[in-house]
Amino acid sequence: VVVLILFTIVGYIFIKGIGAINLKFFFGDANPLYVILGKERV
C-alpha cells in the first residue's frame, strides 16, 4: 500500500507535468508564472 501510494502520486504528477518539460522550461531566464506585456502572458 505504501509503495502504491508513492507510485500513484508520482505517476499522476508525471502524467500531468511531463508535457511542460523542455529546454525552454528549464533554461528560461524568468519565473514561469508570467511576464506581463500589455495583456499577453509570456
All heavy atoms as atom14 arrays in JSON, in Angstrom:
{
  "sequence": "VVVLILFTIVGYIFIKGIGAINLKFFFGDANPLYVILGKERV",
  "atom14_mask": [
    [1, 1, 1, 1, 1, 1, 1, 0, 0, 0, 0, 0, 0, 0],
    [1, 1, 1, 1, 1, 1, 1, 0, 0, 0, 0, 0, 0, 0],
    [1, 1, 1, 1, 1, 1, 1, 0, 0, 0, 0, 0, 0, 0],
    [1, 1, 1, 1, 1, 1, 1, 1, 0, 0, 0, 0, 0, 0],
    [1, 1, 1, 1, 1, 1, 1, 1, 0, 0, 0, 0, 0, 0],
    [1, 1, 1, 1, 1, 1, 1, 1, 0, 0, 0, 0, 0, 0],
    [1, 1, 1, 1, 1, 1, 1, 1, 1, 1, 1, 0, 0, 0],
    [1, 1, 1, 1, 1, 1, 1, 0, 0, 0, 0, 0, 0, 0],
    [1, 1, 1, 1, 1, 1, 1, 1, 0, 0, 0, 0, 0, 0],
    [1, 1, 1, 1, 1, 1, 1, 0, 0, 0, 0, 0, 0, 0],
    [1, 1, 1, 1, 0, 0, 0, 0, 0, 0, 0, 0, 0, 0],
    [1, 1, 1, 1, 1, 1, 1, 1, 1, 1, 1, 1, 0, 0],
    [1, 1, 1, 1, 1, 1, 1, 1, 0, 0, 0, 0, 0, 0],
    [1, 1, 1, 1, 1, 1, 1, 1, 1, 1, 1, 0, 0, 0],
    [1, 1, 1, 1, 1, 1, 1, 1, 0, 0, 0, 0, 0, 0],
    [1, 1, 1, 1, 1, 1, 1, 1, 1, 0, 0, 0, 0, 0],
    [1, 1, 1, 1, 0, 0, 0, 0, 0, 0, 0, 0, 0, 0],
    [1, 1, 1, 1, 1, 1, 1, 1, 0, 0, 0, 0, 0, 0],
    [1, 1, 1, 1, 0, 0, 0, 0, 0, 0, 0, 0, 0, 0],
    [1, 1, 1, 1, 1, 0, 0, 0, 0, 0, 0, 0, 0, 0],
    [1, 1, 1, 1, 1, 1, 1, 1, 0, 0, 0, 0, 0, 0],
    [1, 1, 1, 1, 1, 1, 1, 1, 0, 0, 0, 0, 0, 0],
    [1, 1, 1, 1, 1, 1, 1, 1, 0, 0, 0, 0, 0, 0],
    [1, 1, 1, 1, 1, 1, 1, 1, 1, 0, 0, 0, 0, 0],
    [1, 1, 1, 1, 1, 1, 1, 1, 1, 1, 1, 0, 0, 0],
    [1, 1, 1, 1, 1, 1, 1, 1, 1, 1, 1, 0, 0, 0],
    [1, 1, 1, 1, 1, 1, 1, 1, 1, 1, 1, 0, 0, 0],
    [1, 1, 1, 1, 0, 0, 0, 0, 0, 0, 0, 0, 0, 0],
    [1, 1, 1, 1, 1, 1, 1, 1, 0, 0, 0, 0, 0, 0],
    [1, 1, 1, 1, 1, 0, 0, 0, 0, 0, 0, 0, 0, 0],
    [1, 1, 1, 1, 1, 1, 1, 1, 0, 0, 0, 0, 0, 0],
    [1, 1, 1, 1, 1, 1, 1, 0, 0, 0, 0, 0, 0, 0],
    [1, 1, 1, 1, 1, 1, 1, 1, 0, 0, 0, 0, 0, 0],
    [1, 1, 1, 1, 1, 1, 1, 1, 1, 1, 1, 1, 0, 0],
    [1, 1, 1, 1, 1, 1, 1, 0, 0, 0, 0, 0, 0, 0],
    [1, 1, 1, 1, 1, 1, 1, 1, 0, 0, 0, 0, 0, 0],
    [1, 1, 1, 1, 1, 1, 1, 1, 0, 0, 0, 0, 0, 0],
    [1, 1, 1, 1, 0, 0, 0, 0, 0, 0, 0, 0, 0, 0],
    [1, 1, 1, 1, 1, 1, 1, 1, 1, 0, 0, 0, 0, 0],
    [1, 1, 1, 1, 1, 1, 1, 1, 1, 0, 0, 0, 0, 0],
    [1, 1, 1, 1, 1, 1, 1, 1, 1, 1, 1, 0, 0, 0],
    [1, 1, 1, 1, 1, 1, 1, 0, 0, 0, 0, 0, 0, 0]
  ],
  "atom14_positions": [
    [[0.83, -1.2, 0.0], [0.0, 0.0, 0.0], [0.86, 1.25, 0.0], [0.58, 2.22, -0.72], [-0.95, -0.01, 1.22], [-1.61, 1.36, 1.38], [-2.01, -1.08, 1.05], [0.0, 0.0, 0.0], [0.0, 0.0, 0.0], [0.0, 0.0, 0.0], [0.0, 0.0, 0.0], [0.0, 0.0, 0.0], [0.0, 0.0, 0.0], [0.0, 0.0, 0.0]],
    [[1.94, 1.24, 0.81], [2.85, 2.39, 0.85], [3.47, 2.62, -0.53], [3.5, 3.76, -1.03], [3.95, 2.15, 1.9], [5.0, 3.26, 1.82], [3.35, 2.09, 3.3], [0.0, 0.0, 0.0], [0.0, 0.0, 0.0], [0.0, 0.0, 0.0], [0.0, 0.0, 0.0], [0.0, 0.0, 0.0], [0.0, 0.0, 0.0], [0.0, 0.0, 0.0]],
    [[3.96, 1.56, -1.15], [4.56, 1.68, -2.49], [3.52, 2.15, -3.51], [3.81, 2.99, -4.36], [5.17, 0.33, -2.92], [5.68, 0.42, -4.36], [6.29, -0.07, -1.98], [0.0, 0.0, 0.0], [0.0, 0.0, 0.0], [0.0, 0.0, 0.0], [0.0, 0.0, 0.0], [0.0, 0.0, 0.0], [0.0, 0.0, 0.0], [0.0, 0.0, 0.0]],
    [[2.31, 1.63, -3.39], [1.25, 2.01, -4.32], [0.91, 3.49, -4.2], [0.71, 4.18, -5.21], [0.0, 1.16, -4.06], [-1.21, 1.44, -4.95], [-0.87, 1.15, -6.41], [-2.41, 0.61, -4.51], [0.0, 0.0, 0.0], [0.0, 0.0, 0.0], [0.0, 0.0, 0.0], [0.0, 0.0, 0.0], [0.0, 0.0, 0.0], [0.0, 0.0, 0.0]],
    [[0.84, 3.98, -2.97], [0.56, 5.4, -2.76], [1.64, 6.26, -3.39], [1.35, 7.25, -4.08], [0.44, 5.7, -1.25], [-0.82, 5.04, -0.68], [0.39, 7.22, -1.01], [-0.92, 5.14, 0.83], [0.0, 0.0, 0.0], [0.0, 0.0, 0.0], [0.0, 0.0, 0.0], [0.0, 0.0, 0.0], [0.0, 0.0, 0.0], [0.0, 0.0, 0.0]],
    [[2.91, 5.88, -3.17], [4.02, 6.63, -3.75], [3.93, 6.66, -5.27], [4.01, 7.73, -5.89], [5.35, 6.02, -3.3], [6.6, 6.61, -3.96], [6.77, 8.08, -3.6], [7.84, 5.82, -3.57], [0.0, 0.0, 0.0], [0.0, 0.0, 0.0], [0.0, 0.0, 0.0], [0.0, 0.0, 0.0], [0.0, 0.0, 0.0], [0.0, 0.0, 0.0]],
    [[3.76, 5.49, -5.88], [3.74, 5.43, -7.34], [2.49, 6.12, -7.91], [2.54, 6.65, -9.01], [3.81, 3.97, -7.8], [5.2, 3.44, -7.87], [5.77, 2.79, -6.78], [5.96, 3.61, -9.01], [7.06, 2.31, -6.84], [7.25, 3.13, -9.09], [7.81, 2.48, -7.99], [0.0, 0.0, 0.0], [0.0, 0.0, 0.0], [0.0, 0.0, 0.0]],
    [[1.4, 6.11, -7.16], [0.2, 6.81, -7.62], [0.43, 8.31, -7.68], [0.11, 8.97, -8.68], [-0.99, 6.49, -6.69], [-1.24, 5.08, -6.7], [-2.23, 7.23, -7.16], [0.0, 0.0, 0.0], [0.0, 0.0, 0.0], [0.0, 0.0, 0.0], [0.0, 0.0, 0.0], [0.0, 0.0, 0.0], [0.0, 0.0, 0.0], [0.0, 0.0, 0.0]],
    [[0.99, 8.85, -6.62], [1.26, 10.29, -6.57], [2.26, 10.69, -7.65], [2.03, 11.63, -8.42], [1.76, 10.7, -5.18], [0.66, 10.49, -4.13], [2.2, 12.16, -5.17], [1.13, 10.7, -2.71], [0.0, 0.0, 0.0], [0.0, 0.0, 0.0], [0.0, 0.0, 0.0], [0.0, 0.0, 0.0], [0.0, 0.0, 0.0], [0.0, 0.0, 0.0]],
    [[3.39, 9.97, -7.69], [4.43, 10.31, -8.65], [3.93, 10.1, -10.08], [4.19, 10.93, -10.96], [5.7, 9.46, -8.39], [6.74, 9.7, -9.48], [6.28, 9.78, -7.02], [0.0, 0.0, 0.0], [0.0, 0.0, 0.0], [0.0, 0.0, 0.0], [0.0, 0.0, 0.0], [0.0, 0.0, 0.0], [0.0, 0.0, 0.0], [0.0, 0.0, 0.0]],
    [[3.21, 9.02, -10.31], [2.69, 8.75, -11.65], [1.72, 9.81, -12.11], [1.76, 10.25, -13.27], [0.0, 0.0, 0.0], [0.0, 0.0, 0.0], [0.0, 0.0, 0.0], [0.0, 0.0, 0.0], [0.0, 0.0, 0.0], [0.0, 0.0, 0.0], [0.0, 0.0, 0.0], [0.0, 0.0, 0.0], [0.0, 0.0, 0.0], [0.0, 0.0, 0.0]],
    [[0.85, 10.24, -11.21], [-0.13, 11.27, -11.57], [0.57, 12.58, -11.93], [0.24, 13.21, -12.95], [-1.09, 11.48, -10.4], [-2.13, 12.54, -10.65], [-3.29, 12.25, -11.39], [-1.98, 13.82, -10.15], [-4.24, 13.22, -11.62], [-2.94, 14.8, -10.38], [-4.07, 14.5, -11.11], [-5.02, 15.47, -11.34], [0.0, 0.0, 0.0], [0.0, 0.0, 0.0]],
    [[1.53, 12.99, -11.1], [2.25, 14.23, -11.38], [3.08, 14.1, -12.65], [3.19, 15.05, -13.44], [3.14, 14.6, -10.17], [2.26, 14.95, -8.97], [4.06, 15.77, -10.51], [3.01, 15.25, -7.7], [0.0, 0.0, 0.0], [0.0, 0.0, 0.0], [0.0, 0.0, 0.0], [0.0, 0.0, 0.0], [0.0, 0.0, 0.0], [0.0, 0.0, 0.0]],
    [[3.64, 12.92, -12.88], [4.42, 12.71, -14.1], [3.55, 12.87, -15.34], [3.93, 13.55, -16.3], [5.05, 11.32, -14.07], [5.86, 10.99, -15.3], [7.18, 11.39, -15.4], [5.29, 10.28, -16.35], [7.93, 11.1, -16.52], [6.03, 9.98, -17.47], [7.34, 10.4, -17.57], [0.0, 0.0, 0.0], [0.0, 0.0, 0.0], [0.0, 0.0, 0.0]],
    [[2.39, 12.25, -15.32], [1.47, 12.33, -16.47], [1.03, 13.77, -16.71], [0.95, 14.24, -17.85], [0.26, 11.42, -16.25], [0.7, 9.95, -16.26], [-0.81, 11.65, -17.32], [-0.38, 8.98, -15.85], [0.0, 0.0, 0.0], [0.0, 0.0, 0.0], [0.0, 0.0, 0.0], [0.0, 0.0, 0.0], [0.0, 0.0, 0.0], [0.0, 0.0, 0.0]],
    [[0.74, 14.48, -15.62], [0.26, 15.85, -15.75], [1.36, 16.84, -16.12], [1.09, 17.85, -16.77], [-0.38, 16.29, -14.43], [-1.7, 15.61, -14.1], [-2.81, 16.15, -14.98], [-4.17, 15.64, -14.54], [-5.27, 16.2, -15.34], [0.0, 0.0, 0.0], [0.0, 0.0, 0.0], [0.0, 0.0, 0.0], [0.0, 0.0, 0.0], [0.0, 0.0, 0.0]],
    [[2.6, 16.56, -15.68], [3.64, 17.56, -15.83], [4.67, 17.31, -16.9], [5.42, 18.23, -17.27], [0.0, 0.0, 0.0], [0.0, 0.0, 0.0], [0.0, 0.0, 0.0], [0.0, 0.0, 0.0], [0.0, 0.0, 0.0], [0.0, 0.0, 0.0], [0.0, 0.0, 0.0], [0.0, 0.0, 0.0], [0.0, 0.0, 0.0], [0.0, 0.0, 0.0]],
    [[4.75, 16.09, -17.43], [5.8, 15.78, -18.38], [5.69, 16.61, -19.66], [6.7, 16.93, -20.31], [5.79, 14.27, -18.74], [7.05, 13.88, -19.52], [4.53, 13.9, -19.49], [8.33, 14.09, -18.77], [0.0, 0.0, 0.0], [0.0, 0.0, 0.0], [0.0, 0.0, 0.0], [0.0, 0.0, 0.0], [0.0, 0.0, 0.0], [0.0, 0.0, 0.0]],
    [[4.48, 17.01, -20.0], [4.3, 17.82, -21.21], [4.91, 19.2, -21.12], [5.17, 19.85, -22.14], [0.0, 0.0, 0.0], [0.0, 0.0, 0.0], [0.0, 0.0, 0.0], [0.0, 0.0, 0.0], [0.0, 0.0, 0.0], [0.0, 0.0, 0.0], [0.0, 0.0, 0.0], [0.0, 0.0, 0.0], [0.0, 0.0, 0.0], [0.0, 0.0, 0.0]],
    [[5.14, 19.69, -19.89], [5.72, 21.03, -19.72], [7.25, 21.0, -19.75], [7.88, 22.05, -19.84], [5.24, 21.64, -18.4], [0.0, 0.0, 0.0], [0.0, 0.0, 0.0], [0.0, 0.0, 0.0], [0.0, 0.0, 0.0], [0.0, 0.0, 0.0], [0.0, 0.0, 0.0], [0.0, 0.0, 0.0], [0.0, 0.0, 0.0], [0.0, 0.0, 0.0]],
    [[7.84, 19.81, -19.65], [9.29, 19.71, -19.55], [9.93, 19.83, -20.92], [9.69, 19.02, -21.81], [9.7, 18.37, -18.91], [9.05, 18.21, -17.53], [11.21, 18.28, -18.8], [9.45, 19.24, -16.52], [0.0, 0.0, 0.0], [0.0, 0.0, 0.0], [0.0, 0.0, 0.0], [0.0, 0.0, 0.0], [0.0, 0.0, 0.0], [0.0, 0.0, 0.0]],
    [[10.74, 20.84, -21.09], [11.55, 21.03, -22.29], [12.7, 21.97, -21.96], [12.81, 22.46, -20.83], [10.71, 21.58, -23.46], [9.93, 22.82, -23.07], [10.48, 23.76, -22.5], [8.64, 22.82, -23.36], [0.0, 0.0, 0.0], [0.0, 0.0, 0.0], [0.0, 0.0, 0.0], [0.0, 0.0, 0.0], [0.0, 0.0, 0.0], [0.0, 0.0, 0.0]],
    [[13.56, 22.25, -22.9], [14.72, 23.08, -22.63], [14.32, 24.5, -22.25], [14.95, 25.11, -21.37], [15.63, 23.11, -23.87], [16.38, 21.81, -24.19], [17.21, 21.98, -25.45], [17.26, 21.4, -23.02], [0.0, 0.0, 0.0], [0.0, 0.0, 0.0], [0.0, 0.0, 0.0], [0.0, 0.0, 0.0], [0.0, 0.0, 0.0], [0.0, 0.0, 0.0]],
    [[13.3, 25.04, -22.89], [12.85, 26.39, -22.55], [12.33, 26.44, -21.12], [12.56, 27.42, -20.41], [11.75, 26.83, -23.53], [11.28, 28.25, -23.3], [10.21, 28.64, -24.3], [9.72, 30.06, -24.04], [8.65, 30.45, -24.98], [0.0, 0.0, 0.0], [0.0, 0.0, 0.0], [0.0, 0.0, 0.0], [0.0, 0.0, 0.0], [0.0, 0.0, 0.0]],
    [[11.64, 25.4, -20.7], [11.11, 25.35, -19.34], [12.25, 25.37, -18.32], [12.16, 26.03, -17.29], [10.29, 24.07, -19.18], [9.73, 23.87, -17.8], [8.59, 24.55, -17.39], [10.34, 22.99, -16.91], [8.08, 24.36, -16.11], [9.83, 22.79, -15.65], [8.69, 23.48, -15.24], [0.0, 0.0, 0.0], [0.0, 0.0, 0.0], [0.0, 0.0, 0.0]],
    [[13.35, 24.67, -18.61], [14.47, 24.61, -17.67], [15.34, 25.86, -17.72], [15.76, 26.37, -16.68], [15.34, 23.39, -17.96], [14.86, 22.14, -17.31], [14.27, 21.14, -18.06], [14.98, 21.95, -15.94], [13.82, 19.97, -17.46], [14.53, 20.81, -15.33], [13.94, 19.81, -16.08], [0.0, 0.0, 0.0], [0.0, 0.0, 0.0], [0.0, 0.0, 0.0]],
    [[15.61, 26.36, -18.91], [16.65, 27.38, -19.06], [16.11, 28.78, -19.38], [16.9, 29.68, -19.66], [17.64, 26.96, -20.14], [18.36, 25.69, -19.79], [18.06, 24.51, -20.44], [19.31, 25.68, -18.79], [18.72, 23.34, -20.12], [19.97, 24.51, -18.46], [19.68, 23.33, -19.12], [0.0, 0.0, 0.0], [0.0, 0.0, 0.0], [0.0, 0.0, 0.0]],
    [[14.79, 28.97, -19.33], [14.26, 30.32, -19.45], [14.73, 31.17, -18.29], [14.93, 30.68, -17.18], [0.0, 0.0, 0.0], [0.0, 0.0, 0.0], [0.0, 0.0, 0.0], [0.0, 0.0, 0.0], [0.0, 0.0, 0.0], [0.0, 0.0, 0.0], [0.0, 0.0, 0.0], [0.0, 0.0, 0.0], [0.0, 0.0, 0.0], [0.0, 0.0, 0.0]],
    [[14.89, 32.47, -18.52], [15.52, 33.32, -17.52], [14.53, 34.1, -16.67], [14.87, 35.11, -16.07], [16.49, 34.29, -18.18], [15.81, 35.2, -19.19], [14.6, 35.05, -19.41], [16.49, 36.08, -19.75], [0.0, 0.0, 0.0], [0.0, 0.0, 0.0], [0.0, 0.0, 0.0], [0.0, 0.0, 0.0], [0.0, 0.0, 0.0], [0.0, 0.0, 0.0]],
    [[13.27, 33.67, -16.62], [12.3, 34.37, -15.79], [11.35, 33.37, -15.16], [11.23, 32.23, -15.6], [11.52, 35.4, -16.61], [0.0, 0.0, 0.0], [0.0, 0.0, 0.0], [0.0, 0.0, 0.0], [0.0, 0.0, 0.0], [0.0, 0.0, 0.0], [0.0, 0.0, 0.0], [0.0, 0.0, 0.0], [0.0, 0.0, 0.0], [0.0, 0.0, 0.0]],
    [[10.66, 33.81, -14.13], [9.68, 32.96, -13.45], [8.62, 32.47, -14.42], [8.16, 33.24, -15.26], [9.04, 33.77, -12.33], [8.16, 32.92, -11.45], [7.06, 32.56, -11.83], [8.64, 32.6, -10.27], [0.0, 0.0, 0.0], [0.0, 0.0, 0.0], [0.0, 0.0, 0.0], [0.0, 0.0, 0.0], [0.0, 0.0, 0.0], [0.0, 0.0, 0.0]],
    [[8.2, 31.21, -14.35], [7.23, 30.69, -15.3], [5.82, 31.19, -15.07], [4.94, 30.89, -15.86], [7.29, 29.18, -15.05], [7.73, 29.06, -13.66], [8.68, 30.18, -13.44], [0.0, 0.0, 0.0], [0.0, 0.0, 0.0], [0.0, 0.0, 0.0], [0.0, 0.0, 0.0], [0.0, 0.0, 0.0], [0.0, 0.0, 0.0], [0.0, 0.0, 0.0]],
    [[5.58, 31.95, -14.0], [4.22, 32.44, -13.77], [3.79, 33.32, -14.94], [2.91, 32.97, -15.68], [4.15, 33.2, -12.45], [2.75, 33.62, -12.01], [1.84, 32.41, -11.91], [2.79, 34.36, -10.7], [0.0, 0.0, 0.0], [0.0, 0.0, 0.0], [0.0, 0.0, 0.0], [0.0, 0.0, 0.0], [0.0, 0.0, 0.0], [0.0, 0.0, 0.0]],
    [[4.41, 34.46, -15.09], [4.2, 35.26, -16.29], [4.99, 36.56, -16.22], [5.37, 37.03, -15.17], [2.73, 35.6, -16.54], [2.02, 36.25, -15.38], [2.12, 37.6, -15.11], [1.22, 35.48, -14.54], [1.46, 38.17, -14.06], [0.56, 36.04, -13.47], [0.67, 37.39, -13.23], [0.02, 37.95, -12.17], [0.0, 0.0, 0.0], [0.0, 0.0, 0.0]],
    [[5.25, 37.09, -17.41], [5.76, 38.45, -17.55], [4.71, 39.19, -18.35], [4.37, 38.81, -19.47], [7.11, 38.46, -18.29], [7.62, 39.89, -18.41], [8.12, 37.6, -17.57], [0.0, 0.0, 0.0], [0.0, 0.0, 0.0], [0.0, 0.0, 0.0], [0.0, 0.0, 0.0], [0.0, 0.0, 0.0], [0.0, 0.0, 0.0], [0.0, 0.0, 0.0]],
    [[4.16, 40.23, -17.78], [3.05, 40.93, -18.43], [3.59, 41.89, -19.47], [4.35, 42.8, -19.18], [2.2, 41.69, -17.4], [1.61, 40.71, -16.39], [1.1, 42.48, -18.09], [0.77, 41.38, -15.32], [0.0, 0.0, 0.0], [0.0, 0.0, 0.0], [0.0, 0.0, 0.0], [0.0, 0.0, 0.0], [0.0, 0.0, 0.0], [0.0, 0.0, 0.0]],
    [[3.21, 41.67, -20.71], [3.5, 42.58, -21.82], [2.16, 42.99, -22.42], [1.59, 42.29, -23.23], [4.38, 41.9, -22.87], [5.78, 41.46, -22.4], [6.48, 40.74, -23.54], [6.58, 42.67, -21.95], [0.0, 0.0, 0.0], [0.0, 0.0, 0.0], [0.0, 0.0, 0.0], [0.0, 0.0, 0.0], [0.0, 0.0, 0.0], [0.0, 0.0, 0.0]],
    [[1.66, 44.11, -21.98], [0.32, 44.51, -22.36], [-0.67, 43.57, -21.69], [-0.76, 43.48, -20.49], [0.0, 0.0, 0.0], [0.0, 0.0, 0.0], [0.0, 0.0, 0.0], [0.0, 0.0, 0.0], [0.0, 0.0, 0.0], [0.0, 0.0, 0.0], [0.0, 0.0, 0.0], [0.0, 0.0, 0.0], [0.0, 0.0, 0.0], [0.0, 0.0, 0.0]],
    [[-1.44, 42.84, -22.49], [-2.39, 41.87, -21.96], [-1.92, 40.43, -22.19], [-2.65, 39.49, -21.95], [-3.76, 42.08, -22.6], [-4.39, 43.41, -22.26], [-5.77, 43.52, -22.89], [-6.43, 44.86, -22.55], [-7.77, 44.97, -23.15], [0.0, 0.0, 0.0], [0.0, 0.0, 0.0], [0.0, 0.0, 0.0], [0.0, 0.0, 0.0], [0.0, 0.0, 0.0]],
    [[-0.7, 40.29, -22.69], [-0.2, 38.97, -23.05], [0.68, 38.4, -21.94], [1.44, 39.12, -21.29], [0.63, 39.06, -24.34], [1.17, 37.73, -24.81], [2.04, 37.88, -26.04], [2.24, 39.03, -26.47], [2.5, 36.86, -26.56], [0.0, 0.0, 0.0], [0.0, 0.0, 0.0], [0.0, 0.0, 0.0], [0.0, 0.0, 0.0], [0.0, 0.0, 0.0]],
    [[0.57, 37.12, -21.72], [1.43, 36.43, -20.76], [2.52, 35.7, -21.54], [2.24, 34.83, -22.35], [0.64, 35.42, -19.93], [-0.35, 36.07, -18.99], [-0.93, 35.05, -18.06], [-1.78, 35.67, -17.07], [-2.12, 35.12, -15.92], [-1.67, 33.93, -15.62], [-2.89, 35.75, -15.07], [0.0, 0.0, 0.0], [0.0, 0.0, 0.0], [0.0, 0.0, 0.0]],
    [[3.78, 36.07, -21.27], [4.9, 35.46, -21.95], [5.56, 34.46, -21.0], [6.08, 34.84, -19.96], [5.93, 36.52, -22.39], [7.11, 35.85, -23.1], [5.27, 37.55, -23.3], [0.0, 0.0, 0.0], [0.0, 0.0, 0.0], [0.0, 0.0, 0.0], [0.0, 0.0, 0.0], [0.0, 0.0, 0.0], [0.0, 0.0, 0.0], [0.0, 0.0, 0.0]]
  ]
}
